[in-house]
Amino acid sequence: MAWRPRWCRWLLLLVLTAMPASIPAMAGGRERPGSQRPPLLVEVRRGDTVWTIARSYGDPATDVREHVWRIERANELDVEQMEPGTIVVIPPECLLQT
């Protein structure tokens, strides 16, 4: 084995230990297929609002206003469009993480 300065060995050790942690980042941050949760489809009932839907299906650890904003953005909703029978998409990032 050829002689190398000590700092080269430490650098090689650092690169090899950091490599497994950087592989997902090098792959574009994509998760494995099937690990991403699908969105939830909810039918609007009489008296439902985006706020009540967000409170019912959203993660309680997150501010409900964040859920309302994400649901409105995902569905391109206006308040007037919330009629009974409308299907609303709840994005997976709003759902309770299991």
Foldseek 3Di string as FASTA:
>chain_A
DDDDDPVVVVVVVVCVVCVVVCVCVVVVVDDDPPPDDAWDKDFQAPPDFLLVVLVVFFAPVDDSVVQSVVQCVVVVDDRVPRDGGDITTRGPVGGHDD
